[in-house]
């Protein structure tokens, strides 16, 4: 859960600074955060199935 909160805080910081960054940098960072959230969701889903 802490990782999810950290990801959302990081996403908020990136969105707040998106007006000052070039579009490719913003999209790259958004993609990294998106992949991180997908991996987190998959790990959570797998851990709940096992336990």
Protein backbone atom coordinates (compact mmCIF):
# COMPACT_ATOMS: atom_id res chain seq x y z
CA UNK A 1 0.00 0.00 0.00
CA UNK A 2 2.87 2.34 0.75
CA UNK A 3 4.20 1.84 -2.77
CA UNK A 4 0.83 2.85 -4.21
CA UNK A 5 0.79 6.03 -2.15
CA UNK A 6 4.33 6.83 -3.24
CA UNK A 7 3.42 6.24 -6.88
CA UNK A 8 0.42 8.54 -6.64
CA UNK A 9 2.49 11.25 -4.95
CA UNK A 10 5.14 10.92 -7.66
CA UNK A 11 2.47 11.08 -10.35
CA UNK A 12 1.10 14.26 -8.78
CA UNK A 13 4.53 15.84 -8.73
CA UNK A 14 5.12 14.90 -12.36
CA UNK A 15 1.74 16.25 -13.43
CA UNK A 16 2.43 19.47 -11.56
CA UNK A 17 5.71 19.94 -13.37
CA UNK A 18 4.45 18.72 -16.74
CA UNK A 19 3.90 22.28 -17.91
CA UNK A 20 7.62 22.95 -17.51
CA UNK A 21 8.92 19.75 -19.11
CA UNK A 22 9.06 18.83 -22.79
CA UNK A 23 6.31 16.47 -23.91
CA UNK A 24 8.57 13.44 -24.59
CA UNK A 25 10.01 13.63 -21.06
CA UNK A 26 6.55 13.89 -19.54
CA UNK A 27 5.31 10.91 -21.55
CA UNK A 28 8.37 8.84 -20.65
CA UNK A 29 7.95 9.50 -16.92
CA UNK A 30 4.21 8.81 -17.15
CA UNK A 31 4.98 5.52 -18.89
CA UNK A 32 7.43 4.48 -16.18
CA UNK A 33 4.88 5.27 -13.47
CA UNK A 34 2.18 3.40 -15.38
CA UNK A 35 4.35 0.30 -15.71
CA UNK A 36 5.21 0.51 -12.02
CA UNK A 37 1.51 0.62 -11.11
CA UNK A 38 0.71 -2.32 -13.40
CA UNK A 39 3.50 -4.42 -11.87
CA UNK A 40 2.31 -3.48 -8.39
CA UNK A 41 -1.29 -4.43 -9.21
CA UNK A 42 -0.19 -7.76 -10.70
CA UNK A 43 1.92 -8.60 -7.64
CA UNK A 44 -0.95 -7.71 -5.32
CA UNK A 45 -3.40 -9.82 -7.29
CA UNK A 46 -1.04 -12.81 -7.32
CA UNK A 47 -0.33 -12.53 -3.60
CA UNK A 48 -4.05 -12.51 -2.78
CA UNK A 49 -4.64 -15.60 -4.90
CA UNK A 50 -1.88 -17.53 -3.11
CA UNK A 51 -2.87 -16.49 0.37
